[in-house]
Structures are given as structure tokens and as C-alpha cells.
N, C-alpha and C. Protein backbone atom coordinates (compact mmCIF):
# COMPACT_ATOMS: atom_id res chain seq x y z
N MET A 1 -58.33 8.32 28.71
CA MET A 1 -57.43 8.47 27.66
C MET A 1 -58.11 8.41 26.28
N GLU A 2 -57.62 9.22 25.40
CA GLU A 2 -58.18 9.32 24.05
C GLU A 2 -57.71 8.07 23.25
N PRO A 3 -58.45 7.70 22.24
CA PRO A 3 -58.01 6.57 21.39
C PRO A 3 -56.67 6.76 20.75
N ILE A 4 -56.40 8.08 20.33
CA ILE A 4 -55.12 8.30 19.65
C ILE A 4 -53.90 8.04 20.66
N GLN A 5 -54.14 8.33 21.93
CA GLN A 5 -53.07 8.12 22.89
C GLN A 5 -52.89 6.59 23.11
N ILE A 6 -53.96 5.86 23.04
CA ILE A 6 -53.85 4.34 23.17
C ILE A 6 -53.12 3.80 21.97
N VAL A 7 -53.42 4.29 20.83
CA VAL A 7 -52.76 3.80 19.58
C VAL A 7 -51.24 4.16 19.68
N PHE A 8 -50.92 5.40 20.15
CA PHE A 8 -49.58 5.79 20.31
C PHE A 8 -48.79 4.96 21.34
N LEU A 9 -49.41 4.64 22.46
CA LEU A 9 -48.77 3.79 23.50
C LEU A 9 -48.55 2.40 22.94
N ILE A 10 -49.47 1.88 22.17
CA ILE A 10 -49.29 0.53 21.61
C ILE A 10 -48.13 0.60 20.58
N GLY A 11 -48.16 1.61 19.77
CA GLY A 11 -47.06 1.78 18.77
C GLY A 11 -45.74 1.92 19.45
N ALA A 12 -45.64 2.78 20.47
CA ALA A 12 -44.43 2.96 21.16
C ALA A 12 -43.92 1.67 21.88
N ALA A 13 -44.85 0.93 22.47
CA ALA A 13 -44.45 -0.35 23.10
C ALA A 13 -43.98 -1.33 22.05
N LEU A 14 -44.64 -1.37 20.90
CA LEU A 14 -44.27 -2.24 19.79
C LEU A 14 -42.80 -1.90 19.34
N VAL A 15 -42.50 -0.59 19.20
CA VAL A 15 -41.17 -0.19 18.83
C VAL A 15 -40.10 -0.60 19.84
N VAL A 16 -40.44 -0.35 21.11
CA VAL A 16 -39.39 -0.60 22.12
C VAL A 16 -39.18 -2.20 22.29
N VAL A 17 -40.26 -2.88 22.36
CA VAL A 17 -40.16 -4.36 22.55
C VAL A 17 -39.49 -5.02 21.32
N SER A 18 -39.91 -4.68 20.14
CA SER A 18 -39.34 -5.30 18.94
C SER A 18 -37.88 -4.82 18.71
N ALA A 19 -37.55 -3.64 19.15
CA ALA A 19 -36.16 -3.18 19.03
C ALA A 19 -35.22 -3.96 19.99
N VAL A 20 -35.75 -4.23 21.15
CA VAL A 20 -34.96 -5.08 22.12
C VAL A 20 -34.79 -6.49 21.54
N MET A 21 -35.91 -6.99 20.92
CA MET A 21 -35.84 -8.33 20.35
C MET A 21 -34.80 -8.42 19.17
N VAL A 22 -34.66 -7.23 18.46
CA VAL A 22 -33.64 -7.24 17.36
C VAL A 22 -32.27 -7.52 17.87
N VAL A 23 -31.87 -6.87 18.94
CA VAL A 23 -30.55 -6.99 19.50
C VAL A 23 -30.27 -8.16 20.32
N THR A 24 -31.37 -8.89 20.76
CA THR A 24 -31.14 -10.00 21.62
C THR A 24 -31.34 -11.37 20.87
N ARG A 25 -31.84 -11.43 19.68
CA ARG A 25 -32.01 -12.64 19.01
C ARG A 25 -30.71 -13.19 18.43
N ARG A 26 -30.47 -14.44 18.56
CA ARG A 26 -29.26 -15.07 18.00
C ARG A 26 -29.49 -15.49 16.46
N ASN A 27 -30.74 -15.82 16.14
CA ASN A 27 -31.08 -16.10 14.81
C ASN A 27 -31.26 -14.83 13.96
N LEU A 28 -30.41 -14.64 12.94
CA LEU A 28 -30.38 -13.42 12.14
C LEU A 28 -31.73 -13.20 11.44
N ILE A 29 -32.42 -14.19 11.00
CA ILE A 29 -33.64 -14.08 10.28
C ILE A 29 -34.68 -13.49 11.24
N HIS A 30 -34.67 -14.03 12.45
CA HIS A 30 -35.64 -13.50 13.48
C HIS A 30 -35.33 -12.09 13.79
N ALA A 31 -34.08 -11.76 13.96
CA ALA A 31 -33.70 -10.38 14.23
C ALA A 31 -34.19 -9.49 13.06
N ALA A 32 -34.02 -9.84 11.84
CA ALA A 32 -34.42 -9.07 10.71
C ALA A 32 -35.93 -8.88 10.72
N LEU A 33 -36.69 -9.90 11.10
CA LEU A 33 -38.14 -9.81 11.08
C LEU A 33 -38.57 -8.88 12.24
N TYR A 34 -37.91 -8.83 13.42
CA TYR A 34 -38.18 -7.93 14.43
C TYR A 34 -37.84 -6.52 14.03
N LEU A 35 -36.82 -6.37 13.19
CA LEU A 35 -36.46 -5.08 12.72
C LEU A 35 -37.59 -4.50 11.81
N ILE A 36 -38.18 -5.34 10.99
CA ILE A 36 -39.30 -4.90 10.17
C ILE A 36 -40.42 -4.45 11.05
N LEU A 37 -40.73 -5.22 12.15
CA LEU A 37 -41.79 -4.87 13.04
C LEU A 37 -41.51 -3.57 13.75
N THR A 38 -40.15 -3.30 14.10
CA THR A 38 -39.90 -2.00 14.67
C THR A 38 -40.13 -0.90 13.70
N LEU A 39 -39.62 -1.05 12.50
CA LEU A 39 -39.82 -0.05 11.49
C LEU A 39 -41.26 0.28 11.22
N PHE A 40 -42.05 -0.79 11.25
CA PHE A 40 -43.49 -0.57 11.04
C PHE A 40 -44.09 0.23 12.21
N GLY A 41 -43.67 -0.06 13.48
CA GLY A 41 -44.09 0.73 14.61
C GLY A 41 -43.79 2.22 14.49
N VAL A 42 -42.56 2.48 13.90
CA VAL A 42 -42.16 3.89 13.71
C VAL A 42 -43.04 4.51 12.62
N ALA A 43 -43.40 3.74 11.62
CA ALA A 43 -44.38 4.28 10.57
C ALA A 43 -45.76 4.60 11.18
N VAL A 44 -46.19 3.82 12.12
CA VAL A 44 -47.45 4.10 12.79
C VAL A 44 -47.34 5.41 13.59
N ILE A 45 -46.23 5.63 14.21
CA ILE A 45 -46.04 6.86 14.95
C ILE A 45 -45.96 8.09 14.02
N PHE A 46 -45.34 7.96 12.82
CA PHE A 46 -45.35 8.99 11.81
C PHE A 46 -46.74 9.32 11.47
N VAL A 47 -47.56 8.33 11.25
CA VAL A 47 -48.96 8.58 10.84
C VAL A 47 -49.72 9.39 11.97
N LEU A 48 -49.50 8.99 13.20
CA LEU A 48 -50.13 9.69 14.34
C LEU A 48 -49.68 11.10 14.38
N LEU A 49 -48.38 11.40 13.96
CA LEU A 49 -47.90 12.81 13.95
C LEU A 49 -48.31 13.54 12.67
N GLN A 50 -49.13 12.86 11.92
CA GLN A 50 -49.59 13.45 10.61
C GLN A 50 -48.45 13.72 9.64
N ALA A 51 -47.29 13.01 9.76
CA ALA A 51 -46.21 13.11 8.82
C ALA A 51 -46.29 11.93 7.79
N TYR A 52 -47.33 11.99 6.97
CA TYR A 52 -47.69 10.94 6.09
C TYR A 52 -46.57 10.58 5.05
N TYR A 53 -45.85 11.70 4.56
CA TYR A 53 -44.75 11.41 3.67
C TYR A 53 -43.70 10.55 4.28
N TRP A 54 -43.36 10.88 5.59
CA TRP A 54 -42.28 10.05 6.26
C TRP A 54 -42.82 8.70 6.63
N ALA A 55 -44.09 8.54 6.87
CA ALA A 55 -44.67 7.18 7.04
C ALA A 55 -44.55 6.33 5.85
N VAL A 56 -44.85 6.93 4.67
CA VAL A 56 -44.72 6.19 3.42
C VAL A 56 -43.33 5.80 3.15
N ILE A 57 -42.38 6.83 3.36
CA ILE A 57 -40.95 6.58 3.16
C ILE A 57 -40.50 5.48 4.06
N GLN A 58 -40.99 5.50 5.31
CA GLN A 58 -40.59 4.48 6.29
C GLN A 58 -41.00 3.06 5.82
N VAL A 59 -42.13 2.97 5.27
CA VAL A 59 -42.64 1.67 4.80
C VAL A 59 -41.95 1.24 3.51
N VAL A 60 -41.88 2.13 2.55
CA VAL A 60 -41.33 1.76 1.26
C VAL A 60 -39.82 1.64 1.29
N VAL A 61 -39.13 2.60 1.83
CA VAL A 61 -37.71 2.57 1.84
C VAL A 61 -37.16 1.62 2.93
N TYR A 62 -37.51 1.79 4.13
CA TYR A 62 -36.86 1.03 5.18
C TYR A 62 -37.44 -0.46 5.11
N ILE A 63 -38.76 -0.57 5.22
CA ILE A 63 -39.28 -1.96 5.24
C ILE A 63 -39.23 -2.62 3.93
N GLY A 64 -39.60 -1.94 2.87
CA GLY A 64 -39.72 -2.49 1.58
C GLY A 64 -38.36 -2.74 0.91
N ALA A 65 -37.34 -1.98 1.23
CA ALA A 65 -36.08 -2.14 0.56
C ALA A 65 -34.96 -2.60 1.49
N ILE A 66 -34.74 -1.82 2.51
CA ILE A 66 -33.55 -2.17 3.30
C ILE A 66 -33.75 -3.45 4.10
N ALA A 67 -34.89 -3.64 4.74
CA ALA A 67 -35.06 -4.79 5.55
C ALA A 67 -35.10 -6.05 4.59
N ILE A 68 -35.70 -5.97 3.42
CA ILE A 68 -35.70 -7.11 2.48
C ILE A 68 -34.32 -7.37 1.96
N LEU A 69 -33.53 -6.33 1.72
CA LEU A 69 -32.12 -6.56 1.31
C LEU A 69 -31.40 -7.26 2.43
N ILE A 70 -31.61 -6.93 3.67
CA ILE A 70 -30.88 -7.59 4.76
C ILE A 70 -31.31 -9.08 4.76
N ILE A 71 -32.60 -9.30 4.68
CA ILE A 71 -33.05 -10.72 4.67
C ILE A 71 -32.48 -11.51 3.50
N MET A 72 -32.47 -10.88 2.31
CA MET A 72 -31.91 -11.63 1.16
C MET A 72 -30.41 -11.87 1.33
N ALA A 73 -29.72 -10.86 1.95
CA ALA A 73 -28.24 -11.09 2.19
C ALA A 73 -28.01 -12.22 3.15
N ILE A 74 -28.92 -12.35 4.18
CA ILE A 74 -28.73 -13.44 5.12
C ILE A 74 -29.08 -14.74 4.47
N MET A 75 -30.05 -14.76 3.61
CA MET A 75 -30.50 -15.98 2.91
C MET A 75 -29.37 -16.41 1.91
N VAL A 76 -28.67 -15.46 1.29
CA VAL A 76 -27.66 -15.83 0.39
C VAL A 76 -26.43 -16.41 1.06
N THR A 77 -26.12 -15.95 2.28
CA THR A 77 -25.02 -16.45 3.03
C THR A 77 -25.64 -17.48 4.03
N ARG A 78 -25.84 -18.64 3.56
CA ARG A 78 -26.42 -19.69 4.39
C ARG A 78 -25.52 -20.18 5.53
N ASP A 79 -24.28 -20.01 5.35
CA ASP A 79 -23.32 -20.48 6.40
C ASP A 79 -23.26 -19.55 7.63
N VAL A 80 -23.99 -18.45 7.63
CA VAL A 80 -24.02 -17.55 8.72
C VAL A 80 -24.64 -18.23 9.91
N THR A 81 -25.70 -18.99 9.70
CA THR A 81 -26.38 -19.72 10.79
C THR A 81 -25.72 -20.93 11.21
N GLY A 82 -24.83 -21.42 10.41
CA GLY A 82 -24.14 -22.64 10.75
C GLY A 82 -24.90 -23.91 10.44
N GLU A 83 -26.09 -23.74 9.92
CA GLU A 83 -26.91 -24.94 9.63
C GLU A 83 -26.89 -25.19 8.10
N THR A 84 -27.02 -26.43 7.74
CA THR A 84 -27.17 -26.75 6.28
C THR A 84 -28.62 -26.80 6.03
N VAL A 85 -29.03 -26.18 4.91
CA VAL A 85 -30.43 -26.04 4.53
C VAL A 85 -30.62 -26.75 3.22
N GLU A 86 -31.58 -27.59 3.14
CA GLU A 86 -31.93 -28.27 1.87
C GLU A 86 -32.73 -27.21 1.02
N PRO A 87 -32.45 -27.13 -0.29
CA PRO A 87 -33.23 -26.13 -1.06
C PRO A 87 -34.73 -26.40 -1.20
N PHE A 88 -35.09 -27.75 -1.19
CA PHE A 88 -36.43 -28.18 -1.25
C PHE A 88 -36.62 -29.19 -0.12
N ASN A 89 -37.83 -29.19 0.47
CA ASN A 89 -38.13 -30.12 1.49
C ASN A 89 -39.50 -30.82 1.14
N ARG A 90 -39.91 -31.67 1.98
CA ARG A 90 -41.09 -32.50 1.68
C ARG A 90 -42.40 -31.68 1.82
N ASN A 91 -42.34 -30.46 2.27
CA ASN A 91 -43.47 -29.59 2.38
C ASN A 91 -43.73 -28.71 1.17
N LEU A 92 -42.83 -28.84 0.14
CA LEU A 92 -42.95 -28.01 -0.96
C LEU A 92 -44.29 -28.09 -1.75
N ILE A 93 -44.75 -29.30 -1.91
CA ILE A 93 -46.01 -29.53 -2.69
C ILE A 93 -47.21 -28.98 -1.85
N GLY A 94 -47.19 -29.28 -0.62
CA GLY A 94 -48.28 -28.77 0.25
C GLY A 94 -48.26 -27.25 0.35
N ALA A 95 -47.09 -26.65 0.40
CA ALA A 95 -47.04 -25.20 0.48
C ALA A 95 -47.50 -24.59 -0.92
N ALA A 96 -47.12 -25.17 -1.98
CA ALA A 96 -47.57 -24.60 -3.27
C ALA A 96 -49.07 -24.78 -3.39
N LEU A 97 -49.65 -25.92 -2.99
CA LEU A 97 -51.05 -26.14 -3.04
C LEU A 97 -51.75 -25.12 -2.10
N LEU A 98 -51.31 -24.92 -0.95
CA LEU A 98 -51.93 -23.94 -0.01
C LEU A 98 -51.79 -22.52 -0.61
N GLY A 99 -50.74 -22.19 -1.24
CA GLY A 99 -50.60 -20.85 -1.86
C GLY A 99 -51.56 -20.65 -3.00
N VAL A 100 -51.81 -21.71 -3.84
CA VAL A 100 -52.70 -21.56 -4.92
C VAL A 100 -54.10 -21.50 -4.39
N MET A 101 -54.43 -22.21 -3.34
CA MET A 101 -55.75 -22.19 -2.72
C MET A 101 -56.04 -20.82 -2.07
N ALA A 102 -55.02 -20.27 -1.41
CA ALA A 102 -55.18 -18.89 -0.85
C ALA A 102 -55.36 -17.85 -1.86
N ALA A 103 -54.61 -17.91 -2.97
CA ALA A 103 -54.83 -16.98 -4.07
C ALA A 103 -56.26 -17.11 -4.65
N GLY A 104 -56.73 -18.39 -4.87
CA GLY A 104 -58.06 -18.59 -5.32
C GLY A 104 -59.13 -18.00 -4.42
N VAL A 105 -59.00 -18.22 -3.14
CA VAL A 105 -59.97 -17.70 -2.16
C VAL A 105 -59.91 -16.20 -2.19
N LEU A 106 -58.76 -15.62 -2.29
CA LEU A 106 -58.60 -14.07 -2.33
C LEU A 106 -59.31 -13.57 -3.56
N ILE A 107 -59.02 -14.09 -4.76
CA ILE A 107 -59.66 -13.68 -6.04
C ILE A 107 -61.16 -13.84 -5.99
N TRP A 108 -61.60 -15.03 -5.43
CA TRP A 108 -63.08 -15.26 -5.33
C TRP A 108 -63.74 -14.21 -4.35
N SER A 109 -63.12 -13.94 -3.27
CA SER A 109 -63.70 -13.09 -2.29
C SER A 109 -63.69 -11.63 -2.78
N LEU A 110 -62.78 -11.23 -3.57
CA LEU A 110 -62.71 -9.86 -4.09
C LEU A 110 -63.50 -9.73 -5.35
N SER A 111 -64.03 -10.82 -5.99
CA SER A 111 -64.64 -10.71 -7.30
C SER A 111 -66.01 -9.90 -7.16
N ASP A 112 -66.66 -9.91 -5.98
CA ASP A 112 -67.89 -9.12 -5.83
C ASP A 112 -67.66 -7.61 -5.49
N TRP A 113 -66.42 -7.29 -5.19
CA TRP A 113 -66.11 -5.90 -4.83
C TRP A 113 -66.14 -5.10 -6.03
N PRO A 114 -66.80 -3.89 -6.03
CA PRO A 114 -66.90 -3.11 -7.28
C PRO A 114 -65.52 -2.62 -7.81
N GLY A 115 -64.61 -2.41 -6.91
CA GLY A 115 -63.31 -1.89 -7.29
C GLY A 115 -62.40 -2.92 -8.00
N PHE A 116 -62.80 -4.19 -7.90
CA PHE A 116 -62.03 -5.29 -8.48
C PHE A 116 -62.01 -5.19 -10.00
N SER A 117 -63.05 -4.80 -10.60
CA SER A 117 -63.17 -4.69 -12.06
C SER A 117 -63.28 -3.29 -12.58
N ALA A 118 -63.17 -2.30 -11.70
CA ALA A 118 -63.26 -0.89 -12.07
C ALA A 118 -62.01 -0.45 -12.84
N LEU A 119 -62.21 0.43 -13.74
CA LEU A 119 -61.13 1.01 -14.52
C LEU A 119 -60.67 2.30 -13.80
N ALA A 120 -59.41 2.59 -13.94
CA ALA A 120 -58.87 3.80 -13.34
C ALA A 120 -59.41 5.01 -14.07
N PRO A 121 -59.61 6.14 -13.35
CA PRO A 121 -60.12 7.30 -14.04
C PRO A 121 -59.11 7.88 -15.03
N ALA A 122 -59.61 8.50 -16.02
CA ALA A 122 -58.67 9.11 -16.99
C ALA A 122 -57.82 10.12 -16.31
N ALA A 123 -56.52 10.04 -16.50
CA ALA A 123 -55.62 11.00 -15.92
C ALA A 123 -55.47 12.19 -16.80
N GLU A 124 -54.87 13.22 -16.22
CA GLU A 124 -54.54 14.41 -17.00
C GLU A 124 -53.46 14.03 -18.01
N THR A 125 -53.06 14.99 -18.82
CA THR A 125 -52.02 14.66 -19.74
C THR A 125 -50.77 14.13 -18.95
N GLY A 126 -50.25 13.07 -19.40
CA GLY A 126 -49.16 12.38 -18.64
C GLY A 126 -47.95 13.32 -18.52
N GLU A 127 -47.66 14.08 -19.48
CA GLU A 127 -46.44 14.88 -19.50
C GLU A 127 -46.47 15.95 -18.33
N ILE A 128 -47.62 16.53 -18.06
CA ILE A 128 -47.76 17.55 -17.02
C ILE A 128 -47.58 16.90 -15.62
N VAL A 129 -48.26 15.67 -15.45
CA VAL A 129 -48.22 14.99 -14.14
C VAL A 129 -46.76 14.58 -13.87
N VAL A 130 -46.08 14.00 -14.84
CA VAL A 130 -44.68 13.65 -14.57
C VAL A 130 -43.80 14.82 -14.37
N GLN A 131 -43.99 15.90 -15.09
CA GLN A 131 -43.25 17.03 -14.91
C GLN A 131 -43.43 17.67 -13.51
N ASP A 132 -44.70 17.69 -13.04
CA ASP A 132 -44.94 18.25 -11.67
C ASP A 132 -44.25 17.32 -10.60
N LEU A 133 -44.36 16.02 -10.82
CA LEU A 133 -43.68 15.10 -9.87
C LEU A 133 -42.22 15.34 -9.86
N GLY A 134 -41.58 15.53 -11.01
CA GLY A 134 -40.20 15.69 -11.14
C GLY A 134 -39.76 17.04 -10.41
N VAL A 135 -40.57 18.06 -10.59
CA VAL A 135 -40.25 19.32 -9.91
C VAL A 135 -40.41 19.19 -8.46
N GLN A 136 -41.42 18.46 -7.97
CA GLN A 136 -41.63 18.30 -6.53
C GLN A 136 -40.52 17.52 -5.92
N LEU A 137 -40.03 16.45 -6.66
CA LEU A 137 -38.98 15.60 -6.09
C LEU A 137 -37.58 16.17 -6.09
N PHE A 138 -37.28 17.00 -7.10
CA PHE A 138 -35.93 17.45 -7.31
C PHE A 138 -35.72 18.94 -7.22
N SER A 139 -36.72 19.68 -6.70
CA SER A 139 -36.54 21.09 -6.47
C SER A 139 -36.28 21.34 -4.98
N ALA A 140 -35.51 22.47 -4.70
CA ALA A 140 -35.09 22.73 -3.37
C ALA A 140 -36.35 23.11 -2.53
N GLU A 141 -37.45 23.61 -3.08
CA GLU A 141 -38.60 23.92 -2.32
C GLU A 141 -39.49 22.69 -2.09
N GLY A 142 -39.21 21.52 -2.87
CA GLY A 142 -40.00 20.40 -2.67
C GLY A 142 -39.33 19.32 -1.77
N TYR A 143 -39.22 18.15 -2.30
CA TYR A 143 -38.66 17.03 -1.51
C TYR A 143 -37.26 16.63 -1.91
N LEU A 144 -36.42 17.55 -2.25
CA LEU A 144 -35.06 17.22 -2.72
C LEU A 144 -34.29 16.49 -1.69
N LEU A 145 -34.17 17.05 -0.48
CA LEU A 145 -33.38 16.44 0.53
C LEU A 145 -33.87 15.06 0.97
N PRO A 146 -35.19 14.82 1.20
CA PRO A 146 -35.65 13.47 1.45
C PRO A 146 -35.35 12.52 0.34
N THR A 147 -35.48 12.95 -0.88
CA THR A 147 -35.26 12.08 -2.06
C THR A 147 -33.76 11.67 -2.10
N ILE A 148 -32.92 12.65 -1.86
CA ILE A 148 -31.40 12.31 -1.92
C ILE A 148 -31.03 11.36 -0.75
N LEU A 149 -31.63 11.69 0.45
CA LEU A 149 -31.36 10.87 1.60
C LEU A 149 -31.85 9.40 1.37
N ALA A 150 -32.97 9.26 0.78
CA ALA A 150 -33.58 7.95 0.52
C ALA A 150 -32.70 7.23 -0.49
N SER A 151 -32.18 7.86 -1.52
CA SER A 151 -31.39 7.23 -2.44
C SER A 151 -30.01 6.85 -1.94
N VAL A 152 -29.42 7.71 -1.09
CA VAL A 152 -28.15 7.31 -0.46
C VAL A 152 -28.31 6.18 0.54
N LEU A 153 -29.48 6.15 1.26
CA LEU A 153 -29.75 5.10 2.19
C LEU A 153 -29.93 3.74 1.46
N LEU A 154 -30.61 3.78 0.32
CA LEU A 154 -30.81 2.55 -0.45
C LEU A 154 -29.41 2.10 -0.99
N LEU A 155 -28.63 3.00 -1.46
CA LEU A 155 -27.24 2.61 -1.96
C LEU A 155 -26.45 1.97 -0.90
N ALA A 156 -26.46 2.59 0.32
CA ALA A 156 -25.72 2.05 1.42
C ALA A 156 -26.18 0.68 1.83
N ALA A 157 -27.54 0.44 1.78
CA ALA A 157 -28.08 -0.88 2.05
C ALA A 157 -27.64 -1.88 1.03
N LEU A 158 -27.66 -1.48 -0.25
CA LEU A 158 -27.22 -2.42 -1.35
C LEU A 158 -25.75 -2.81 -1.20
N ILE A 159 -24.93 -1.80 -0.89
CA ILE A 159 -23.52 -2.07 -0.72
C ILE A 159 -23.26 -2.97 0.55
N ALA A 160 -24.05 -2.73 1.59
CA ALA A 160 -23.92 -3.63 2.77
C ALA A 160 -24.31 -4.99 2.44
N ALA A 161 -25.39 -5.14 1.74
CA ALA A 161 -25.92 -6.50 1.37
C ALA A 161 -24.91 -7.26 0.50
N ILE A 162 -24.31 -6.51 -0.45
CA ILE A 162 -23.22 -7.18 -1.28
C ILE A 162 -22.01 -7.55 -0.39
N ARG A 163 -21.71 -6.65 0.49
CA ARG A 163 -20.54 -6.86 1.38
C ARG A 163 -20.73 -8.14 2.26
N ILE A 164 -21.97 -8.26 2.74
CA ILE A 164 -22.30 -9.39 3.63
C ILE A 164 -22.32 -10.66 2.76
N ALA A 165 -22.87 -10.60 1.55
CA ALA A 165 -23.01 -11.79 0.74
C ALA A 165 -21.63 -12.28 0.17
N PHE A 166 -20.74 -11.34 -0.11
CA PHE A 166 -19.43 -11.73 -0.69
C PHE A 166 -18.28 -11.16 0.19
N PRO A 167 -17.92 -11.84 1.22
CA PRO A 167 -16.79 -11.32 2.06
C PRO A 167 -15.47 -11.43 1.41
N ASN A 168 -14.49 -10.70 1.83
CA ASN A 168 -13.16 -10.79 1.34
C ASN A 168 -12.50 -12.05 1.68
N GLU A 169 -11.51 -12.43 0.82
CA GLU A 169 -10.82 -13.65 1.11
C GLU A 169 -9.98 -13.59 2.43
N THR A 170 -9.54 -12.41 2.76
CA THR A 170 -8.76 -12.26 4.03
C THR A 170 -9.61 -12.48 5.24
N GLU A 171 -10.90 -12.11 5.17
CA GLU A 171 -11.82 -12.38 6.30
C GLU A 171 -12.07 -13.88 6.48
N GLU A 172 -12.14 -14.67 5.27
CA GLU A 172 -12.39 -16.08 5.39
C GLU A 172 -11.19 -16.82 5.95
N ASP A 173 -10.01 -16.24 5.79
CA ASP A 173 -8.79 -16.94 6.31
C ASP A 173 -8.72 -16.87 7.84
N ASN A 174 -9.37 -15.89 8.45
CA ASN A 174 -9.21 -15.71 9.90
C ASN A 174 -10.15 -16.62 10.65
């Protein structure tokens, strides 16, 4: 077997197993995290198919926006899990210290990398680049349909997150 086939099989197995875990988990946070893993596996398959635009959209739109909105909606509605959660616990100071230490180690380890202090190359005139991007995103020959679909999908996710976070009074009475 070729290496690309092995990567595909691993990605496909990741998608199938994590998708099953999404629908079988009772904890909503765990289900949302498995959803992120499923969407990442789909992005890997898009990369293998050389559909790089769709892989980026998969990561940015689905993982970066929708899955995070779902997790935030779950976190806003704490009573979904039926557990009372303290806003702060005894591990707060340790977690903050560990986060600062991890950031320090990351900055220290990247300080020798030449790209860490490099300046971005001078871009062309900004007006032309932005105009070309706008034409590509909103022209029928470019990415108009994917752009509209992504915006509608993000709007639907936002509405769903608001709906989950603030249920109607009639639903609370039942």
C-alpha cells in the first residue's frame, strides 16, 4: 500500500469512529469535541483529494466557527448537564501558572527561529489585492456559491446557538 492510502484509511477510520462517538456520548461537551475530531478527519480527506479550498473551509468554518459556537452554547446553558459547576475551583492558580509557563517555553523555543523576528515582505498595492480578492469571492466565476453557503451556514449556527442558550418560556414550562 502507498503512504497516501494509509493516510486515507487512518483519516476515514478517524471520521467513522469519532462520528459514532458523537451520537453515542451522553455528555454534550464530549460529543462536541468528537464532532470537532470528525470534522478534522473530513478536512484531512479533502487535503488528500487536493481540494485545499474545501479543507480550509472545513477547518475555518466548521471547526473554527460552528463547533466552537456549539461548545459555547453548551457552556452557557449549564443546566443541560444537570450538574452545578463552580465558576472557579482550587486549580485556577495552578492552571494559570502552567499556562504562563507554557507560553514562556513556547516563546523561548521559537526565539531562535529566523521567522520569529522576520518582517513580512512588502505587499503589492493594497487596493489591487483587496479588489482581486473581492472579485474572486463575489463573482459567479469565482467562489460566490461557497462564500454564500459558508455565510448561511454560519448564520444558521449562530441562530441555533442563540436558540439553545435562550429557550422559550413555553419550553421551560413542560
